[in-house]
Amino acid sequence: MMMSVIDRLFCARILPKEILIKPSVIVTVFCLSFALHLSASIFSEGRTHPDSDYQILEFANFKVGNESNLTLPWEFFEQIRPALQPALAFVVHESVGNGDPFQTAFFLRLMSAVLGLASSWSLCFYAFRWLTERWAQHSLIMLTGFFWLLPVLNARFASETWAAAFLAISIVLVHRTCEMEGQRRIGWAIFSGLSLAILFYLRFPVAFAILGLGLWVLFIARPGIRVLSGMMFGVALGLTLNILIDYWFYEEWVITPINYLAANLIEGRAAGYGLDPWWYFIEKIFFLLVPPASLFLMLMVVVAWLRKPKHILTWVSVFFLVGHSLVGHKETRFLFPIIYPLLIIGIVGAQSLLCQPWANYQHLRNKKIVKYAVFYFCIVNTMALLFTTFAPANQEAVIHKWIYNNSLHHSSKLLTYHKNPYHDGRGMVSFFRSSKAQFLHINSADELNQTVNESDLPVYVFVPSVYAPMDLRTQCISLELEVSALPNWIRQLDFGLWFSDLRIWSIFRCG
C-alpha cells in the first residue's frame, strides 16, 4: 500500500525522480514516524500553552452552552480570535466526543497529528528536488521522521501547530503551481490561495511568512496574471469562509484580523505580556534545534539565505523571523510554524557549502569531532523524542482526567489544599470540569479532620506537591496516594525524598 502511495507521489511530481533513497527506507522511516505521532496523540495529553484551552476549547465550550463557572478571556469579548479552530472543536465534541471532554481532546490531538504528519512529509518529499546529494536527502528523511519536536508539536490542537501544517502545505501548493504548465495550474492556484487564507486565519502573525511567500511569487516566480487571479480567487474564497464561521460563532458580523490588529498593535495589549529583545528568537532556536548541532544548522540557514536568495524557503523564513523579531512581545511557541522549514533550508545551505570544490565532504565526515557531534545529537534528540512523545504535556491533564472519571459514577467532593486545580491564575478552566465534581477549599489540617469526621465516605484531597504535607498526614494516618502527575516508576526511585520540594500535583485519599 505504501509503495503505491509513493508511486502516486512520483506521478503527481510531489516526489521527484531524482530521489536517491531506497523506497524501503522511506517506508520504514515513515511508518516509525506515524507510530510516534500516534503515540504522541495518545500519551501526550494536555496543553503546551494555556491559549490552547482558553482561546480554543473554552471558546468551543461557550458554544456548546456550558457557561457555568466559565471564565472567558478578554480576547473573546474583544472578538480578536478567529473561530475556525473553536468551530472544529465544537463539531468534534458534538459528533464523536460524546460530550466527554477528554475523548474530544484525544480526537483533536489525533486529527492534529495526522495533519501535521501529512503536511511535513509532503514538504519533505517535495524538498527532495532541492537536494541532489544522497547524504542531504538521508538527513532530511531522518529529521522528518525523528526530530524530537515534530511528534509532540504536531499532536497539539493549537494555532501554532495548525499554522505550521498549513504553511508547509501552502509552500508545496504555491511552488508546484508556479512551476507547472497547462490548464491544471489554475485549479492548483485556487487551492493555493485557499490554503493561504486558512493559514492566515489560523494564526494572524504568520502573515509575515505569507508576505514573504507572496513577494516570492510576484518577483521571483512570476507565474502570470491568470495564476495570480486564481490565487486571489482562492484567497477571497478562504477569507469569505472564515468570515462566515466568525459570524456563526460571535453571532454578528466581525472582521477578527482588524480587531486583532487594533487590540495588539494599536492599543498595545500584547505588549502588556512583556517585551523582549530582537535577538530573543536566536537564543530559542539555538536550544530547540539541539545544541551544539544547532549552531551548525543555524549557520547553514544563513549560508542558504546568502547563497540561495531566490529560494522560496529563504523568502518565507527571512520574512517570518525578521517580522516576528520586530514585534515587541515574543514567545517560544511563535517559532513553531517555521521550525520544519528551517530544518530544510539548513540542509539546503549545508549542501550548497559542502559541494564546493574546496570542501571535502568525505574527509569532513570522517573527522572524530564530527562523529562525536552527530552521536551526541542523536542521543539527546532520541531522549527528548521519547520523553515528549510518551509523557503528558502537562500535569493538569493527569489530575483533571482522574477527577472527571471519578465523578462519572457518583457525585464526589474534592478538598483542595491551598490551590484549585482548575485555576491557573488566568482564569477557570471549564471545558474539562465535571458538573458532578464538588470542591471544598481548605487551608489547614484541622479543616481536613473536620471534613473526615463529618463524612462516611472516603475523602479526596488535592495537594500541589509530590508528597502530602506532614500536618495532613498527622490528621489522617491512613492518607494514601490516589493519583499523581509524577509517574509511579519515578516515585519509586525517590529514595531520599529528593522530589519533596517539587510542585507536582497529587491527589490523596483519606478513609
Foldseek 3Di string as FASTA:
>chain_A
DVVVVVVVCPVVVLADPLADDDVVVLVVLLVLLLVLLLLLLVFADDALDCCLQQVAVLLLVVVVPPPVQRDHFVCVVLLQAFCPRNVVLNCLCVPVVVVALRSSLSVLLSVLSVLLSVLLVSLLSNLVVLDNDNVLNVLSSCCSRFFQPRSNLSSRSALLSVLLSLLSVLVSLLVVLLPDDDPVSLVSLLVSLLSVLVSCNSPVLLVLLVVLLVVLCVPPSVRDDSSVVSSVNSVVVNQVVRQVSSCVSSVHRDDNNVSNCCVCPVVPPLCVVDFDALCVQVVLQCVSQPPPVSVLLVVLLVLLCVVVVSDSLNSSVVSSSNSQSVDGDDDSSSCSSCNSSSNSSSSSSVSVVCPDPVHDPVVVCPDPVNVVRVVVSVVVSNVSNVCSSNAHSDLLRFVLVVQQVVQPVHQAEEEEEPDDSQDDPSRGRDSSDDPSYHYDYDHFLVVVLVVVVVDPDKYKYKAQFPDDDPRNCVSAVPKAWDDWSDDPVVVVVPPVVPRGPPRTMTMIIGD
